[in-house]
């Protein structure tokens, strides 16, 4: 399993219906679960991004499909980052020349 960071910003549509953001977050978690993606946490944030999610998926395809699915609803725009934990970095650094 691989880690992914979802960085999200509300669209005009999403901010107009801001009172539904927690319901949408629960719907995101349900959709993620159905697609085999585990949501570790969702955080509403101040600053450049409105919502940050930490997830775990079997591969880039599963994470990207989830990102596109939620973005297609029109409430947020997403940016997805592949993330590496300590075990991954150990393997990566072992291959550095």
C-alpha atoms as a PDB file:
ATOM      1  CA  UNK A   1       0.000   0.000   0.000  1.00  0.00           C
ATOM      2  CA  UNK A   2       1.159   3.515  -0.788  1.00  0.00           C
ATOM      3  CA  UNK A   3       0.413   6.826   0.924  1.00  0.00           C
ATOM      4  CA  UNK A   4      -1.188   9.796  -0.815  1.00  0.00           C
ATOM      5  CA  UNK A   5      -1.845  13.340   0.325  1.00  0.00           C
ATOM      6  CA  UNK A   6      -4.948  14.969  -1.131  1.00  0.00           C
ATOM      7  CA  UNK A   7      -4.756  18.783  -1.193  1.00  0.00           C
ATOM      8  CA  UNK A   8      -8.154  20.300  -1.913  1.00  0.00           C
ATOM      9  CA  UNK A   9      -9.672  23.701  -2.508  1.00  0.00           C
ATOM     10  CA  UNK A  10     -13.368  24.514  -2.547  1.00  0.00           C
ATOM     11  CA  UNK A  11     -14.844  25.603  -5.852  1.00  0.00           C
ATOM     12  CA  UNK A  12     -17.494  28.320  -5.989  1.00  0.00           C
ATOM     13  CA  UNK A  13     -20.091  25.525  -5.894  1.00  0.00           C
ATOM     14  CA  UNK A  14     -18.427  23.930  -2.876  1.00  0.00           C
ATOM     15  CA  UNK A  15     -18.158  27.137  -0.880  1.00  0.00           C
ATOM     16  CA  UNK A  16     -21.802  28.049  -1.580  1.00  0.00           C
ATOM     17  CA  UNK A  17     -22.786  24.758   0.062  1.00  0.00           C
ATOM     18  CA  UNK A  18     -20.119  24.902   2.797  1.00  0.00           C
ATOM     19  CA  UNK A  19     -22.565  23.704   5.447  1.00  0.00           C
ATOM     20  CA  UNK A  20     -22.555  20.321   3.664  1.00  0.00           C
ATOM     21  CA  UNK A  21     -18.768  19.916   3.841  1.00  0.00           C
ATOM     22  CA  UNK A  22     -18.896  17.331   6.642  1.00  0.00           C
ATOM     23  CA  UNK A  23     -21.551  15.302   4.771  1.00  0.00           C
ATOM     24  CA  UNK A  24     -19.374  15.436   1.662  1.00  0.00           C
ATOM     25  CA  UNK A  25     -16.380  14.299   3.729  1.00  0.00           C
ATOM     26  CA  UNK A  26     -18.344  11.261   4.924  1.00  0.00           C
ATOM     27  CA  UNK A  27     -19.386  10.523   1.326  1.00  0.00           C
ATOM     28  CA  UNK A  28     -15.700  10.765   0.317  1.00  0.00           C
ATOM     29  CA  UNK A  29     -14.744   8.261   3.016  1.00  0.00           C
ATOM     30  CA  UNK A  30     -17.465   5.871   1.842  1.00  0.00           C
ATOM     31  CA  UNK A  31     -16.395   6.172  -1.803  1.00  0.00           C
ATOM     32  CA  UNK A  32     -12.763   5.659  -0.817  1.00  0.00           C
ATOM     33  CA  UNK A  33     -13.619   2.542   1.159  1.00  0.00           C
ATOM     34  CA  UNK A  34     -15.573   1.079  -1.775  1.00  0.00           C
ATOM     35  CA  UNK A  35     -12.591   1.643  -4.054  1.00  0.00           C
ATOM     36  CA  UNK A  36     -10.116   0.080  -1.633  1.00  0.00           C
ATOM     37  CA  UNK A  37      -8.581   3.344  -0.435  1.00  0.00           C
ATOM     38  CA  UNK A  38      -8.162   3.860   3.305  1.00  0.00           C
ATOM     39  CA  UNK A  39      -8.668   7.407   4.592  1.00  0.00           C
ATOM     40  CA  UNK A  40      -6.407   8.004   7.574  1.00  0.00           C
ATOM     41  CA  UNK A  41      -7.541  11.571   8.223  1.00  0.00           C
ATOM     42  CA  UNK A  42      -9.305  14.567   6.720  1.00  0.00           C
ATOM     43  CA  UNK A  43      -8.431  18.013   8.039  1.00  0.00           C
ATOM     44  CA  UNK A  44      -9.970  21.392   7.249  1.00  0.00           C
ATOM     45  CA  UNK A  45      -7.113  23.856   7.101  1.00  0.00           C
ATOM     46  CA  UNK A  46      -6.231  27.542   7.004  1.00  0.00           C
ATOM     47  CA  UNK A  47      -3.902  28.760   4.301  1.00  0.00           C
ATOM     48  CA  UNK A  48      -3.384  27.678   0.717  1.00  0.00           C
ATOM     49  CA  UNK A  49      -5.601  24.568   0.915  1.00  0.00           C
ATOM     50  CA  UNK A  50      -9.072  24.158   2.398  1.00  0.00           C
ATOM     51  CA  UNK A  51      -8.970  20.419   3.102  1.00  0.00           C
ATOM     52  CA  UNK A  52      -6.046  17.999   3.425  1.00  0.00           C
ATOM     53  CA  UNK A  53      -6.523  14.243   3.396  1.00  0.00           C
ATOM     54  CA  UNK A  54      -4.050  11.471   4.162  1.00  0.00           C
ATOM     55  CA  UNK A  55      -4.930   8.222   2.443  1.00  0.00           C
ATOM     56  CA  UNK A  56      -3.484   4.829   1.647  1.00  0.00           C
ATOM     57  CA  UNK A  57      -4.126   3.027  -1.646  1.00  0.00           C
ATOM     58  CA  UNK A  58      -2.810  -0.037  -3.412  1.00  0.00           C
ATOM     59  CA  UNK A  59      -1.459   2.007  -6.330  1.00  0.00           C
ATOM     60  CA  UNK A  60      -1.457   5.289  -8.260  1.00  0.00           C
ATOM     61  CA  UNK A  61      -4.416   4.167 -10.367  1.00  0.00           C
ATOM     62  CA  UNK A  62      -6.708   3.686  -7.343  1.00  0.00           C
ATOM     63  CA  UNK A  63      -5.662   7.028  -5.819  1.00  0.00           C
ATOM     64  CA  UNK A  64      -6.041   8.915  -9.100  1.00  0.00           C
ATOM     65  CA  UNK A  65      -9.441   7.385  -9.845  1.00  0.00           C
ATOM     66  CA  UNK A  66     -10.673   8.454  -6.399  1.00  0.00           C
ATOM     67  CA  UNK A  67      -9.278  11.968  -6.869  1.00  0.00           C
ATOM     68  CA  UNK A  68     -10.952  12.347 -10.264  1.00  0.00           C
ATOM     69  CA  UNK A  69     -14.231  10.928  -8.958  1.00  0.00           C
ATOM     70  CA  UNK A  70     -14.509  13.434  -6.137  1.00  0.00           C
ATOM     71  CA  UNK A  71     -13.332  16.362  -8.261  1.00  0.00           C
ATOM     72  CA  UNK A  72     -15.930  15.526 -10.919  1.00  0.00           C
ATOM     73  CA  UNK A  73     -18.696  16.313  -8.405  1.00  0.00           C
ATOM     74  CA  UNK A  74     -17.712  19.973  -8.696  1.00  0.00           C
ATOM     75  CA  UNK A  75     -17.271  20.916  -5.027  1.00  0.00           C
ATOM     76  CA  UNK A  76     -13.477  20.797  -4.865  1.00  0.00           C
ATOM     77  CA  UNK A  77     -10.347  20.862  -6.976  1.00  0.00           C
ATOM     78  CA  UNK A  78      -7.701  18.420  -5.898  1.00  0.00           C
ATOM     79  CA  UNK A  79      -3.986  17.915  -6.111  1.00  0.00           C
ATOM     80  CA  UNK A  80      -2.714  14.458  -5.193  1.00  0.00           C
ATOM     81  CA  UNK A  81       0.795  13.845  -3.886  1.00  0.00           C
ATOM     82  CA  UNK A  82       2.479  10.454  -3.579  1.00  0.00           C
ATOM     83  CA  UNK A  83       4.030  10.259  -0.112  1.00  0.00           C
ATOM     84  CA  UNK A  84       6.714   8.014   1.401  1.00  0.00           C
ATOM     85  CA  UNK A  85       7.006   6.758   4.971  1.00  0.00           C
ATOM     86  CA  UNK A  86      10.233   5.921   6.810  1.00  0.00           C
ATOM     87  CA  UNK A  87      10.358   2.347   5.489  1.00  0.00           C
ATOM     88  CA  UNK A  88       9.963   3.590   1.899  1.00  0.00           C
ATOM     89  CA  UNK A  89      12.681   6.215   2.387  1.00  0.00           C
ATOM     90  CA  UNK A  90      15.048   3.572   3.754  1.00  0.00           C
ATOM     91  CA  UNK A  91      14.578   1.569   0.535  1.00  0.00           C
ATOM     92  CA  UNK A  92      14.939   4.679  -1.623  1.00  0.00           C
ATOM     93  CA  UNK A  93      18.096   5.869   0.117  1.00  0.00           C
ATOM     94  CA  UNK A  94      19.655   2.397  -0.188  1.00  0.00           C
ATOM     95  CA  UNK A  95      19.537   2.880  -3.977  1.00  0.00           C
ATOM     96  CA  UNK A  96      21.065   6.355  -3.952  1.00  0.00           C
ATOM     97  CA  UNK A  97      24.547   6.261  -5.443  1.00  0.00           C
END
